[in-house]
């Protein structure tokens, strides 16, 4: 399971809202072409999300803040939710994508800018991540927090570029 981000213009975001198939094709093309509009966090997505949440980030930069589709009012691991996800038109991996608006991206970029790798993991007890069942669940190994933290410079650059260009960001797990 890997975290992914795709920078899109406001017009592309509007197009994606009405045509997820088009958005999926765009995301696949940009990811496969290793475009600078795409980046990912690999399996560190959940750890990064946990650490940013711990620092008070209001919107999930990893999972997005806005959904493209309306989810049923069902428990995450329920049969109803599995049926819903299985019947989606477009296979983005682990559920449909979500997004951050250009305003949310700009706020995220400004919050990320002064953050250091040390800030991200300072005073974090790795057992906390195990207790919270954060994927991939290997937090007892030495160096796992440093592994997540090493993604921060790339995340900062990606969000700074997106904010500079007024882009939104589509977020998904595959």
C-alpha atoms as a PDB file:
ATOM      1  CA  UNK A   1       0.000   0.000   0.000  1.00  0.00           C
ATOM      2  CA  UNK A   2       1.607   3.255  -1.175  1.00  0.00           C
ATOM      3  CA  UNK A   3       0.679   6.921  -0.817  1.00  0.00           C
ATOM      4  CA  UNK A   4       0.436   9.047  -3.972  1.00  0.00           C
ATOM      5  CA  UNK A   5      -0.046  12.726  -4.809  1.00  0.00           C
ATOM      6  CA  UNK A   6      -0.781  14.390  -8.127  1.00  0.00           C
ATOM      7  CA  UNK A   7      -0.648  18.137  -8.647  1.00  0.00           C
ATOM      8  CA  UNK A   8      -3.529  19.418 -10.768  1.00  0.00           C
ATOM      9  CA  UNK A   9      -4.614  22.875 -11.851  1.00  0.00           C
ATOM     10  CA  UNK A  10      -7.963  24.189 -10.569  1.00  0.00           C
ATOM     11  CA  UNK A  11      -9.451  23.482 -14.026  1.00  0.00           C
ATOM     12  CA  UNK A  12      -8.117  19.916 -13.940  1.00  0.00           C
ATOM     13  CA  UNK A  13      -9.572  19.460 -10.456  1.00  0.00           C
ATOM     14  CA  UNK A  14     -12.989  20.583 -11.730  1.00  0.00           C
ATOM     15  CA  UNK A  15     -12.678  18.142 -14.633  1.00  0.00           C
ATOM     16  CA  UNK A  16     -11.692  15.359 -12.216  1.00  0.00           C
ATOM     17  CA  UNK A  17     -14.756  16.065 -10.054  1.00  0.00           C
ATOM     18  CA  UNK A  18     -17.005  15.189 -12.986  1.00  0.00           C
ATOM     19  CA  UNK A  19     -14.862  12.542 -14.662  1.00  0.00           C
ATOM     20  CA  UNK A  20     -12.852  10.265 -12.375  1.00  0.00           C
ATOM     21  CA  UNK A  21     -11.969   8.035 -15.331  1.00  0.00           C
ATOM     22  CA  UNK A  22     -10.169  10.966 -16.953  1.00  0.00           C
ATOM     23  CA  UNK A  23      -8.473  11.755 -13.619  1.00  0.00           C
ATOM     24  CA  UNK A  24      -7.376   8.133 -13.249  1.00  0.00           C
ATOM     25  CA  UNK A  25      -5.848   8.159 -16.735  1.00  0.00           C
ATOM     26  CA  UNK A  26      -4.051  11.436 -15.954  1.00  0.00           C
ATOM     27  CA  UNK A  27      -2.768  10.089 -12.631  1.00  0.00           C
ATOM     28  CA  UNK A  28      -1.561   6.861 -14.232  1.00  0.00           C
ATOM     29  CA  UNK A  29       0.189   8.714 -17.070  1.00  0.00           C
ATOM     30  CA  UNK A  30       1.907  11.175 -14.723  1.00  0.00           C
ATOM     31  CA  UNK A  31       2.927   8.448 -12.258  1.00  0.00           C
ATOM     32  CA  UNK A  32       4.199   6.048 -14.931  1.00  0.00           C
ATOM     33  CA  UNK A  33       6.094   8.888 -16.598  1.00  0.00           C
ATOM     34  CA  UNK A  34       7.614   9.913 -13.262  1.00  0.00           C
ATOM     35  CA  UNK A  35       6.345  13.432 -13.864  1.00  0.00           C
ATOM     36  CA  UNK A  36       7.259  16.158 -11.359  1.00  0.00           C
ATOM     37  CA  UNK A  37       3.494  16.613 -10.948  1.00  0.00           C
ATOM     38  CA  UNK A  38       3.395  13.204  -9.185  1.00  0.00           C
ATOM     39  CA  UNK A  39       5.157  12.050  -6.064  1.00  0.00           C
ATOM     40  CA  UNK A  40       4.639   9.368  -3.483  1.00  0.00           C
ATOM     41  CA  UNK A  41       5.578   8.317  -0.001  1.00  0.00           C
ATOM     42  CA  UNK A  42       5.681   4.588  -0.539  1.00  0.00           C
ATOM     43  CA  UNK A  43       4.675   2.590   2.511  1.00  0.00           C
ATOM     44  CA  UNK A  44       5.516   5.524   4.800  1.00  0.00           C
ATOM     45  CA  UNK A  45       2.158   7.202   4.038  1.00  0.00           C
ATOM     46  CA  UNK A  46       0.409   6.185   7.276  1.00  0.00           C
ATOM     47  CA  UNK A  47       3.406   7.009   9.476  1.00  0.00           C
ATOM     48  CA  UNK A  48       3.735  10.421   7.826  1.00  0.00           C
ATOM     49  CA  UNK A  49       0.014  11.065   8.250  1.00  0.00           C
ATOM     50  CA  UNK A  50       0.235  10.075  11.927  1.00  0.00           C
ATOM     51  CA  UNK A  51       3.250  12.311  12.582  1.00  0.00           C
ATOM     52  CA  UNK A  52       1.746  15.344  10.816  1.00  0.00           C
ATOM     53  CA  UNK A  53      -1.541  14.859  12.665  1.00  0.00           C
ATOM     54  CA  UNK A  54       0.419  14.750  15.913  1.00  0.00           C
ATOM     55  CA  UNK A  55       1.856  18.170  15.002  1.00  0.00           C
ATOM     56  CA  UNK A  56      -1.624  19.613  14.538  1.00  0.00           C
ATOM     57  CA  UNK A  57      -2.066  19.524  10.760  1.00  0.00           C
ATOM     58  CA  UNK A  58      -5.819  19.975  10.372  1.00  0.00           C
ATOM     59  CA  UNK A  59      -6.197  18.422   6.923  1.00  0.00           C
ATOM     60  CA  UNK A  60      -4.715  15.042   6.095  1.00  0.00           C
ATOM     61  CA  UNK A  61      -2.081  15.747   3.472  1.00  0.00           C
ATOM     62  CA  UNK A  62      -1.832  12.035   2.764  1.00  0.00           C
ATOM     63  CA  UNK A  63      -5.498  11.060   2.558  1.00  0.00           C
ATOM     64  CA  UNK A  64      -6.912  14.389   1.399  1.00  0.00           C
ATOM     65  CA  UNK A  65      -9.559  16.595   2.918  1.00  0.00           C
ATOM     66  CA  UNK A  66     -12.293  16.446   0.284  1.00  0.00           C
ATOM     67  CA  UNK A  67     -13.797  13.307  -1.273  1.00  0.00           C
ATOM     68  CA  UNK A  68     -14.663  12.842  -4.927  1.00  0.00           C
ATOM     69  CA  UNK A  69     -17.402  10.352  -4.072  1.00  0.00           C
ATOM     70  CA  UNK A  70     -19.903  10.219  -1.254  1.00  0.00           C
ATOM     71  CA  UNK A  71     -19.195   7.327   1.057  1.00  0.00           C
ATOM     72  CA  UNK A  72     -22.007   5.316   2.601  1.00  0.00           C
ATOM     73  CA  UNK A  73     -22.648   5.763   6.296  1.00  0.00           C
ATOM     74  CA  UNK A  74     -21.024   2.441   7.181  1.00  0.00           C
ATOM     75  CA  UNK A  75     -18.233   1.104   9.352  1.00  0.00           C
ATOM     76  CA  UNK A  76     -14.863   1.111   7.522  1.00  0.00           C
ATOM     77  CA  UNK A  77     -14.436  -2.687   7.632  1.00  0.00           C
ATOM     78  CA  UNK A  78     -18.098  -3.564   7.149  1.00  0.00           C
ATOM     79  CA  UNK A  79     -19.510  -5.694   4.340  1.00  0.00           C
ATOM     80  CA  UNK A  80     -21.431  -2.634   3.112  1.00  0.00           C
ATOM     81  CA  UNK A  81     -18.212  -0.615   2.776  1.00  0.00           C
ATOM     82  CA  UNK A  82     -16.397  -3.485   1.018  1.00  0.00           C
ATOM     83  CA  UNK A  83     -19.323  -3.790  -1.437  1.00  0.00           C
ATOM     84  CA  UNK A  84     -19.255  -0.028  -2.043  1.00  0.00           C
ATOM     85  CA  UNK A  85     -15.508   0.005  -2.737  1.00  0.00           C
ATOM     86  CA  UNK A  86     -15.693  -3.087  -4.924  1.00  0.00           C
ATOM     87  CA  UNK A  87     -18.373  -1.506  -7.117  1.00  0.00           C
ATOM     88  CA  UNK A  88     -16.580   1.758  -7.814  1.00  0.00           C
ATOM     89  CA  UNK A  89     -16.116   2.458 -11.517  1.00  0.00           C
ATOM     90  CA  UNK A  90     -12.424   3.251 -11.265  1.00  0.00           C
ATOM     91  CA  UNK A  91      -9.836   1.213  -9.441  1.00  0.00           C
ATOM     92  CA  UNK A  92      -7.509   3.678  -7.743  1.00  0.00           C
ATOM     93  CA  UNK A  93      -6.202   0.974  -5.447  1.00  0.00           C
ATOM     94  CA  UNK A  94      -7.475   1.205  -1.896  1.00  0.00           C
ATOM     95  CA  UNK A  95     -10.654   3.193  -2.400  1.00  0.00           C
ATOM     96  CA  UNK A  96     -11.386   6.336  -4.360  1.00  0.00           C
ATOM     97  CA  UNK A  97      -9.046   9.327  -4.353  1.00  0.00           C
ATOM     98  CA  UNK A  98      -9.579  12.476  -2.346  1.00  0.00           C
ATOM     99  CA  UNK A  99      -8.065  15.916  -2.807  1.00  0.00           C
ATOM    100  CA  UNK A 100      -6.780  19.096  -1.260  1.00  0.00           C
ATOM    101  CA  UNK A 101      -7.968  22.390  -2.731  1.00  0.00           C
ATOM    102  CA  UNK A 102      -5.455  25.045  -3.800  1.00  0.00           C
ATOM    103  CA  UNK A 103      -6.168  26.895  -0.542  1.00  0.00           C
ATOM    104  CA  UNK A 104      -5.552  23.759   1.536  1.00  0.00           C
ATOM    105  CA  UNK A 105      -2.343  23.112  -0.426  1.00  0.00           C
ATOM    106  CA  UNK A 106      -1.128  26.663   0.254  1.00  0.00           C
ATOM    107  CA  UNK A 107      -1.831  26.295   3.981  1.00  0.00           C
ATOM    108  CA  UNK A 108      -0.055  22.927   4.029  1.00  0.00           C
ATOM    109  CA  UNK A 109       2.979  24.342   2.198  1.00  0.00           C
ATOM    110  CA  UNK A 110       3.298  27.214   4.658  1.00  0.00           C
ATOM    111  CA  UNK A 111       2.989  24.836   7.636  1.00  0.00           C
ATOM    112  CA  UNK A 112       5.512  22.412   6.136  1.00  0.00           C
ATOM    113  CA  UNK A 113       8.097  25.053   5.159  1.00  0.00           C
ATOM    114  CA  UNK A 114       9.748  25.541   8.586  1.00  0.00           C
ATOM    115  CA  UNK A 115       9.363  21.894   9.627  1.00  0.00           C
ATOM    116  CA  UNK A 116      12.527  19.810   9.927  1.00  0.00           C
ATOM    117  CA  UNK A 117      12.928  16.057   9.963  1.00  0.00           C
ATOM    118  CA  UNK A 118      13.847  16.353  13.638  1.00  0.00           C
ATOM    119  CA  UNK A 119      10.657  18.356  14.337  1.00  0.00           C
ATOM    120  CA  UNK A 120       8.618  15.603  12.697  1.00  0.00           C
ATOM    121  CA  UNK A 121       9.905  12.823  14.950  1.00  0.00           C
ATOM    122  CA  UNK A 122      10.971  14.682  18.116  1.00  0.00           C
ATOM    123  CA  UNK A 123       9.638  13.037  21.292  1.00  0.00           C
ATOM    124  CA  UNK A 124       7.829  10.305  19.339  1.00  0.00           C
ATOM    125  CA  UNK A 125       7.769   6.919  21.006  1.00  0.00           C
ATOM    126  CA  UNK A 126       7.759   4.274  18.280  1.00  0.00           C
ATOM    127  CA  UNK A 127       5.465   2.165  20.467  1.00  0.00           C
ATOM    128  CA  UNK A 128       2.847   4.910  19.952  1.00  0.00           C
ATOM    129  CA  UNK A 129       2.670   4.008  16.270  1.00  0.00           C
ATOM    130  CA  UNK A 130       2.343   0.309  17.085  1.00  0.00           C
ATOM    131  CA  UNK A 131      -0.469   1.008  19.563  1.00  0.00           C
ATOM    132  CA  UNK A 132      -2.243   3.108  16.947  1.00  0.00           C
ATOM    133  CA  UNK A 133      -1.789   0.254  14.411  1.00  0.00           C
ATOM    134  CA  UNK A 134      -0.061   2.530  11.914  1.00  0.00           C
ATOM    135  CA  UNK A 135       0.833   0.806   8.643  1.00  0.00           C
ATOM    136  CA  UNK A 136       3.202  -0.930   7.894  1.00  0.00           C
ATOM    137  CA  UNK A 137       3.444  -1.982  11.551  1.00  0.00           C
ATOM    138  CA  UNK A 138       7.215  -2.363  11.760  1.00  0.00           C
ATOM    139  CA  UNK A 139       7.774   0.429  14.263  1.00  0.00           C
ATOM    140  CA  UNK A 140       9.740  -1.684  16.743  1.00  0.00           C
ATOM    141  CA  UNK A 141      12.675  -1.766  14.302  1.00  0.00           C
ATOM    142  CA  UNK A 142      15.395   0.847  14.809  1.00  0.00           C
ATOM    143  CA  UNK A 143      15.409   3.589  12.201  1.00  0.00           C
ATOM    144  CA  UNK A 144      11.758   3.346  11.184  1.00  0.00           C
ATOM    145  CA  UNK A 145      10.984   6.932  12.256  1.00  0.00           C
ATOM    146  CA  UNK A 146      14.030   8.173  10.360  1.00  0.00           C
ATOM    147  CA  UNK A 147      12.759   6.283   7.314  1.00  0.00           C
ATOM    148  CA  UNK A 148       9.468   8.214   7.447  1.00  0.00           C
ATOM    149  CA  UNK A 149      11.223  11.514   8.193  1.00  0.00           C
ATOM    150  CA  UNK A 150      13.481  11.186   5.138  1.00  0.00           C
ATOM    151  CA  UNK A 151      10.408  11.781   2.948  1.00  0.00           C
ATOM    152  CA  UNK A 152       9.850  15.246   4.456  1.00  0.00           C
ATOM    153  CA  UNK A 153      12.179  17.277   2.180  1.00  0.00           C
ATOM    154  CA  UNK A 154      10.460  15.880  -0.919  1.00  0.00           C
ATOM    155  CA  UNK A 155       7.017  16.467   0.579  1.00  0.00           C
ATOM    156  CA  UNK A 156       7.932  20.062   1.374  1.00  0.00           C
ATOM    157  CA  UNK A 157       9.242  20.664  -2.162  1.00  0.00           C
ATOM    158  CA  UNK A 158       6.190  19.069  -3.757  1.00  0.00           C
ATOM    159  CA  UNK A 159       3.703  21.121  -1.728  1.00  0.00           C
ATOM    160  CA  UNK A 160       5.733  24.325  -2.139  1.00  0.00           C
ATOM    161  CA  UNK A 161       5.720  23.918  -5.936  1.00  0.00           C
ATOM    162  CA  UNK A 162       2.006  23.101  -5.939  1.00  0.00           C
ATOM    163  CA  UNK A 163       1.227  26.157  -3.790  1.00  0.00           C
ATOM    164  CA  UNK A 164       3.426  28.418  -5.959  1.00  0.00           C
ATOM    165  CA  UNK A 165       1.488  27.346  -9.056  1.00  0.00           C
ATOM    166  CA  UNK A 166      -1.944  27.515  -7.352  1.00  0.00           C
ATOM    167  CA  UNK A 167      -2.469  23.774  -7.804  1.00  0.00           C
ATOM    168  CA  UNK A 168      -4.744  21.354  -5.993  1.00  0.00           C
ATOM    169  CA  UNK A 169      -3.473  17.883  -5.038  1.00  0.00           C
ATOM    170  CA  UNK A 170      -5.219  14.576  -5.672  1.00  0.00           C
ATOM    171  CA  UNK A 171      -4.380  11.965  -3.005  1.00  0.00           C
ATOM    172  CA  UNK A 172      -4.767   8.179  -3.229  1.00  0.00           C
ATOM    173  CA  UNK A 173      -3.422   4.878  -1.971  1.00  0.00           C
ATOM    174  CA  UNK A 174      -2.490   2.040  -4.283  1.00  0.00           C
END
